[in-house]
Structure formats: structure tokens, C-alpha cells
Amino acid sequence: MSNEKGLLGIMADTHDNLPLIRRACELFNQKGVVKVIHAGDYIAPFSVLTLKENLKVDFFGVFGNNDGERLGLMRASEGRIHPSPSVLKVEEWECLVGHDLSEEVAEAIASSGRFRLVVFAHTHKALVKRVGESLLVNPGEVGGWLYGTSTVALVDLASLEGEIVKL
């Protein structure tokens, strides 16, 4: 992956696993990502504080279905967490970030051509798939609680190529 325009780091389903949140942040910092997207299920505000303390770049996120303490998460994130789905401007194009979109719905949104990148989560199953001119990404689970494999995604902003990276 080239890094001319930069890399975008994508994560989701951290579920309060602080050591793996830190590991994901270390990877993103080492790779020189320009921004991080979190597609929901932080769980507690201290997970957001861990992101803020360890990332060298800004992050944008949406709420997941397990994020019950939304006011605390909003305060901890200083307004970086939004309802799901939400639109994020990255470079010269927009991406849609949603937590509990099904793969079929996320693929339909990607096939509309409106968004260059569609990010979803919730299933904890990693996926990078080209849909027309769009890229569909589910970064899998950072927390590792469901399948025992912790993953994130990296997306090259110049080529719109993505890859899943095991932590």
C-alpha cells in the first residue's frame, strides 16, 4: 500500500479490551495513518479515553448497539462519536460509517456509488470487498471476544485498496 495521500485506520467492536485497543493504536501510529474510524461498540468511556491517549491522529466514530452509556461516551470523545450511520468526509470524498448494518444493506449502499467507502461492523467478521467504484469494509473485532482473532483494517486513500491486519 502506498502512503502518498495517507492511510485510514478502521476499527470496531473494541468491547473494553484495553490491551488490544492500545495494540491497535500502536499499529495505526506505526503505519502513519492520517485518521481512524471506529465503527462502534466501544462499551465504556474509558475505552474512548484509551483511544485518545494512545492515537497520534484524530478519530471519528459511531455508536454501536452495545454502547449504553452514550452521554459518557460523548463526553469522553469530545463529540467525535455520532449516531449510526453517519457520513464522514475523508479527503475529497465521503464515506458512510454504520455499526449494525447487515452486509447486504452495506453492499447495497456501496453499489449506489454515492460513497467511495462504506464501513460497517457488528458481525465481528472482517471483510474488504470492492463494490463498483466503492470499497466495503468491516474491520472485524478488536476485542477478540467473539472469534478470538483481533483485527483492524487499513485503507489506502490514494488507491482505495484495503487490507485486514491481525493484531
C-alpha atoms as a PDB file:
ATOM      1  CA  MET A   1       0.000   0.000   0.000  1.00  0.00           C
ATOM      2  CA  SER A   2       1.296   3.408  -0.887  1.00  0.00           C
ATOM      3  CA  ASN A   3       1.098   6.232   1.596  1.00  0.00           C
ATOM      4  CA  GLU A   4       1.035   9.260  -0.745  1.00  0.00           C
ATOM      5  CA  LYS A   5      -2.368  10.523   0.394  1.00  0.00           C
ATOM      6  CA  GLY A   6      -2.283   8.547   3.586  1.00  0.00           C
ATOM      7  CA  LEU A   7      -3.753   5.533   5.209  1.00  0.00           C
ATOM      8  CA  LEU A   8      -7.039   5.374   7.026  1.00  0.00           C
ATOM      9  CA  GLY A   9      -7.217   3.109  10.081  1.00  0.00           C
ATOM     10  CA  ILE A  10     -10.537   1.367  10.728  1.00  0.00           C
ATOM     11  CA  MET A  11     -11.545  -0.456  13.886  1.00  0.00           C
ATOM     12  CA  ALA A  12     -14.706  -1.644  15.614  1.00  0.00           C
ATOM     13  CA  ASP A  13     -16.083  -3.817  18.377  1.00  0.00           C
ATOM     14  CA  THR A  14     -13.353  -2.977  20.873  1.00  0.00           C
ATOM     15  CA  HIS A  15     -15.638  -4.028  23.756  1.00  0.00           C
ATOM     16  CA  ASP A  16     -13.430  -2.541  26.513  1.00  0.00           C
ATOM     17  CA  ASN A  17     -10.397  -4.697  25.681  1.00  0.00           C
ATOM     18  CA  LEU A  18      -7.831  -2.047  26.657  1.00  0.00           C
ATOM     19  CA  PRO A  19      -4.649  -4.022  25.830  1.00  0.00           C
ATOM     20  CA  LEU A  20      -5.906  -4.681  22.296  1.00  0.00           C
ATOM     21  CA  ILE A  21      -7.142  -1.100  21.890  1.00  0.00           C
ATOM     22  CA  ARG A  22      -3.599   0.015  22.754  1.00  0.00           C
ATOM     23  CA  ARG A  23      -2.149  -2.513  20.296  1.00  0.00           C
ATOM     24  CA  ALA A  24      -4.439  -1.226  17.531  1.00  0.00           C
ATOM     25  CA  CYS A  25      -3.366   2.353  18.309  1.00  0.00           C
ATOM     26  CA  GLU A  26       0.299   1.306  18.181  1.00  0.00           C
ATOM     27  CA  LEU A  27      -0.234  -0.280  14.767  1.00  0.00           C
ATOM     28  CA  PHE A  28      -2.042   2.796  13.449  1.00  0.00           C
ATOM     29  CA  ASN A  29       0.704   5.069  14.791  1.00  0.00           C
ATOM     30  CA  GLN A  30       3.452   2.881  13.274  1.00  0.00           C
ATOM     31  CA  LYS A  31       1.695   2.816   9.893  1.00  0.00           C
ATOM     32  CA  GLY A  32       1.265   6.601   9.937  1.00  0.00           C
ATOM     33  CA  VAL A  33      -2.499   6.640   9.439  1.00  0.00           C
ATOM     34  CA  VAL A  34      -3.981  10.102   8.901  1.00  0.00           C
ATOM     35  CA  LYS A  35      -7.302   9.364  10.624  1.00  0.00           C
ATOM     36  CA  VAL A  36      -9.011   6.496  12.436  1.00  0.00           C
ATOM     37  CA  ILE A  37     -12.635   5.425  12.077  1.00  0.00           C
ATOM     38  CA  HIS A  38     -14.257   3.445  14.892  1.00  0.00           C
ATOM     39  CA  ALA A  39     -17.462   1.721  13.768  1.00  0.00           C
ATOM     40  CA  GLY A  40     -18.976   1.286  17.226  1.00  0.00           C
ATOM     41  CA  ASP A  41     -19.206  -0.872  20.333  1.00  0.00           C
ATOM     42  CA  TYR A  42     -16.627   0.903  22.478  1.00  0.00           C
ATOM     43  CA  ILE A  43     -18.751  -0.017  25.541  1.00  0.00           C
ATOM     44  CA  ALA A  44     -17.396   2.246  28.326  1.00  0.00           C
ATOM     45  CA  PRO A  45     -15.986   5.781  28.270  1.00  0.00           C
ATOM     46  CA  PHE A  46     -12.569   4.556  29.457  1.00  0.00           C
ATOM     47  CA  SER A  47     -12.170   2.787  26.098  1.00  0.00           C
ATOM     48  CA  VAL A  48     -12.551   6.143  24.352  1.00  0.00           C
ATOM     49  CA  LEU A  49     -10.061   7.727  26.751  1.00  0.00           C
ATOM     50  CA  THR A  50      -7.594   4.951  25.865  1.00  0.00           C
ATOM     51  CA  LEU A  51      -8.050   5.784  22.164  1.00  0.00           C
ATOM     52  CA  LYS A  52      -7.482   9.497  22.776  1.00  0.00           C
ATOM     53  CA  GLU A  53      -4.398   8.862  24.933  1.00  0.00           C
ATOM     54  CA  ASN A  54      -2.749   6.444  22.504  1.00  0.00           C
ATOM     55  CA  LEU A  55      -3.609   7.650  18.992  1.00  0.00           C
ATOM     56  CA  LYS A  56      -1.389  10.277  17.375  1.00  0.00           C
ATOM     57  CA  VAL A  57      -4.215  11.284  14.991  1.00  0.00           C
ATOM     58  CA  ASP A  58      -7.874  12.200  15.302  1.00  0.00           C
ATOM     59  CA  PHE A  59     -10.669   9.643  15.216  1.00  0.00           C
ATOM     60  CA  PHE A  60     -14.309   9.654  14.148  1.00  0.00           C
ATOM     61  CA  GLY A  61     -16.827   7.121  15.336  1.00  0.00           C
ATOM     62  CA  VAL A  62     -20.400   5.975  15.501  1.00  0.00           C
ATOM     63  CA  PHE A  63     -22.312   4.327  18.306  1.00  0.00           C
ATOM     64  CA  GLY A  64     -22.792   0.573  18.330  1.00  0.00           C
ATOM     65  CA  ASN A  65     -25.703  -1.436  19.663  1.00  0.00           C
ATOM     66  CA  ASN A  66     -23.858  -2.221  22.935  1.00  0.00           C
ATOM     67  CA  ASP A  67     -22.856   1.376  23.707  1.00  0.00           C
ATOM     68  CA  GLY A  68     -25.270   2.023  26.569  1.00  0.00           C
ATOM     69  CA  GLU A  69     -23.509   4.884  28.321  1.00  0.00           C
ATOM     70  CA  ARG A  70     -23.855   7.278  25.397  1.00  0.00           C
ATOM     71  CA  LEU A  71     -23.623  10.507  27.373  1.00  0.00           C
ATOM     72  CA  GLY A  72     -20.352   9.378  28.986  1.00  0.00           C
ATOM     73  CA  LEU A  73     -19.025   8.250  25.609  1.00  0.00           C
ATOM     74  CA  MET A  74     -19.973  11.595  24.027  1.00  0.00           C
ATOM     75  CA  ARG A  75     -18.205  13.494  26.803  1.00  0.00           C
ATOM     76  CA  ALA A  76     -15.102  11.297  26.682  1.00  0.00           C
ATOM     77  CA  SER A  77     -14.914  11.563  22.887  1.00  0.00           C
ATOM     78  CA  GLU A  78     -15.470  15.332  22.899  1.00  0.00           C
ATOM     79  CA  GLY A  79     -18.127  14.966  20.201  1.00  0.00           C
ATOM     80  CA  ARG A  80     -16.271  12.514  17.962  1.00  0.00           C
ATOM     81  CA  ILE A  81     -18.936   9.792  18.273  1.00  0.00           C
ATOM     82  CA  HIS A  82     -22.076  10.162  16.164  1.00  0.00           C
ATOM     83  CA  PRO A  83     -25.320   8.259  15.570  1.00  0.00           C
ATOM     84  CA  SER A  84     -25.076   5.225  13.325  1.00  0.00           C
ATOM     85  CA  PRO A  85     -24.989   5.517  10.370  1.00  0.00           C
ATOM     86  CA  SER A  86     -23.169   8.815   9.775  1.00  0.00           C
ATOM     87  CA  VAL A  87     -21.299  10.387   6.881  1.00  0.00           C
ATOM     88  CA  LEU A  88     -17.637  11.334   7.221  1.00  0.00           C
ATOM     89  CA  LYS A  89     -15.709  13.485   4.763  1.00  0.00           C
ATOM     90  CA  VAL A  90     -12.283  11.954   4.070  1.00  0.00           C
ATOM     91  CA  GLU A  91     -10.037  13.851   1.695  1.00  0.00           C
ATOM     92  CA  GLU A  92     -12.229  14.837  -1.267  1.00  0.00           C
ATOM     93  CA  TRP A  93     -14.881  12.144  -0.852  1.00  0.00           C
ATOM     94  CA  GLU A  94     -17.497  10.957   1.610  1.00  0.00           C
ATOM     95  CA  CYS A  95     -17.778   7.655   3.394  1.00  0.00           C
ATOM     96  CA  LEU A  96     -20.682   6.137   5.265  1.00  0.00           C
ATOM     97  CA  VAL A  97     -19.964   4.580   8.660  1.00  0.00           C
ATOM     98  CA  GLY A  98     -22.585   2.403  10.310  1.00  0.00           C
ATOM     99  CA  HIS A  99     -22.403  -0.152  13.076  1.00  0.00           C
ATOM    100  CA  ASP A 100     -25.173  -2.685  12.727  1.00  0.00           C
ATOM    101  CA  LEU A 101     -25.798  -2.597   9.014  1.00  0.00           C
ATOM    102  CA  SER A 102     -26.087  -6.065   7.510  1.00  0.00           C
ATOM    103  CA  GLU A 103     -23.558  -6.951   4.827  1.00  0.00           C
ATOM    104  CA  GLU A 104     -26.364  -6.941   2.257  1.00  0.00           C
ATOM    105  CA  VAL A 105     -27.511  -3.425   3.213  1.00  0.00           C
ATOM    106  CA  ALA A 106     -23.926  -2.127   3.364  1.00  0.00           C
ATOM    107  CA  GLU A 107     -23.265  -3.624  -0.077  1.00  0.00           C
ATOM    108  CA  ALA A 108     -26.435  -2.029  -1.479  1.00  0.00           C
ATOM    109  CA  ILE A 109     -25.319   1.359  -0.136  1.00  0.00           C
ATOM    110  CA  ALA A 110     -21.856   0.851  -1.643  1.00  0.00           C
ATOM    111  CA  SER A 111     -23.346  -0.160  -5.007  1.00  0.00           C
ATOM    112  CA  SER A 112     -25.288   3.127  -5.140  1.00  0.00           C
ATOM    113  CA  GLY A 113     -21.996   4.861  -5.971  1.00  0.00           C
ATOM    114  CA  ARG A 114     -22.710   7.749  -3.569  1.00  0.00           C
ATOM    115  CA  PHE A 115     -19.905   6.800  -1.153  1.00  0.00           C
ATOM    116  CA  ARG A 116     -16.359   5.786  -2.038  1.00  0.00           C
ATOM    117  CA  LEU A 117     -16.100   3.892   1.260  1.00  0.00           C
ATOM    118  CA  VAL A 118     -18.776   2.127   3.294  1.00  0.00           C
ATOM    119  CA  VAL A 119     -17.735   0.896   6.741  1.00  0.00           C
ATOM    120  CA  PHE A 120     -19.844  -1.412   8.868  1.00  0.00           C
ATOM    121  CA  ALA A 121     -19.279  -3.676  11.871  1.00  0.00           C
ATOM    122  CA  HIS A 122     -21.407  -5.628  14.377  1.00  0.00           C
ATOM    123  CA  THR A 123     -20.817  -9.097  12.869  1.00  0.00           C
ATOM    124  CA  HIS A 124     -17.189  -9.184  14.135  1.00  0.00           C
ATOM    125  CA  LYS A 125     -16.280 -10.755  10.762  1.00  0.00           C
ATOM    126  CA  ALA A 126     -13.568  -8.953   8.803  1.00  0.00           C
ATOM    127  CA  LEU A 127     -14.286  -8.110   5.160  1.00  0.00           C
ATOM    128  CA  VAL A 128     -12.765  -5.946   2.442  1.00  0.00           C
ATOM    129  CA  LYS A 129     -14.686  -6.013  -0.813  1.00  0.00           C
ATOM    130  CA  ARG A 130     -14.771  -3.828  -3.922  1.00  0.00           C
ATOM    131  CA  VAL A 131     -18.330  -2.932  -4.978  1.00  0.00           C
ATOM    132  CA  GLY A 132     -18.235  -0.980  -8.239  1.00  0.00           C
ATOM    133  CA  GLU A 133     -16.247   2.199  -7.547  1.00  0.00           C
ATOM    134  CA  SER A 134     -16.720   1.823  -3.776  1.00  0.00           C
ATOM    135  CA  LEU A 135     -14.923  -0.137  -1.108  1.00  0.00           C
ATOM    136  CA  LEU A 136     -16.873  -2.057   1.533  1.00  0.00           C
ATOM    137  CA  VAL A 137     -15.022  -2.667   4.823  1.00  0.00           C
ATOM    138  CA  ASN A 138     -15.834  -4.479   8.033  1.00  0.00           C
ATOM    139  CA  PRO A 139     -12.674  -4.358  10.187  1.00  0.00           C
ATOM    140  CA  GLY A 140     -13.721  -7.347  12.283  1.00  0.00           C
ATOM    141  CA  GLU A 141     -13.299  -7.185  16.034  1.00  0.00           C
ATOM    142  CA  VAL A 142     -10.527  -5.546  18.010  1.00  0.00           C
ATOM    143  CA  GLY A 143     -11.843  -7.004  21.271  1.00  0.00           C
ATOM    144  CA  GLY A 144     -11.373 -10.597  20.156  1.00  0.00           C
ATOM    145  CA  TRP A 145     -14.134 -11.800  22.468  1.00  0.00           C
ATOM    146  CA  LEU A 146     -16.348 -13.487  19.878  1.00  0.00           C
ATOM    147  CA  TYR A 147     -13.971 -15.216  17.459  1.00  0.00           C
ATOM    148  CA  GLY A 148     -10.652 -14.952  19.286  1.00  0.00           C
ATOM    149  CA  THR A 149      -8.957 -13.051  16.468  1.00  0.00           C
ATOM    150  CA  SER A 150      -8.342  -9.321  16.845  1.00  0.00           C
ATOM    151  CA  THR A 151      -8.286  -7.376  13.586  1.00  0.00           C
ATOM    152  CA  VAL A 152      -8.357  -3.859  12.163  1.00  0.00           C
ATOM    153  CA  ALA A 153      -8.415  -2.572   8.595  1.00  0.00           C
ATOM    154  CA  LEU A 154      -6.155  -0.199   6.692  1.00  0.00           C
ATOM    155  CA  VAL A 155      -7.388   1.658   3.627  1.00  0.00           C
ATOM    156  CA  ASP A 156      -5.072   3.454   1.212  1.00  0.00           C
ATOM    157  CA  LEU A 157      -6.731   6.786   0.451  1.00  0.00           C
ATOM    158  CA  ALA A 158      -4.994   7.145  -2.921  1.00  0.00           C
ATOM    159  CA  SER A 159      -5.829   3.751  -4.412  1.00  0.00           C
ATOM    160  CA  LEU A 160      -8.843   2.885  -2.230  1.00  0.00           C
ATOM    161  CA  GLU A 161      -7.358  -0.524  -1.536  1.00  0.00           C
ATOM    162  CA  GLY A 162      -7.947  -2.119   1.815  1.00  0.00           C
ATOM    163  CA  GLU A 163      -6.478  -4.871   3.903  1.00  0.00           C
ATOM    164  CA  ILE A 164      -7.293  -6.639   7.152  1.00  0.00           C
ATOM    165  CA  VAL A 165      -4.472  -6.728   9.695  1.00  0.00           C
ATOM    166  CA  LYS A 166      -4.325  -9.134  12.644  1.00  0.00           C
ATOM    167  CA  LEU A 167      -3.194  -7.588  15.905  1.00  0.00           C
END
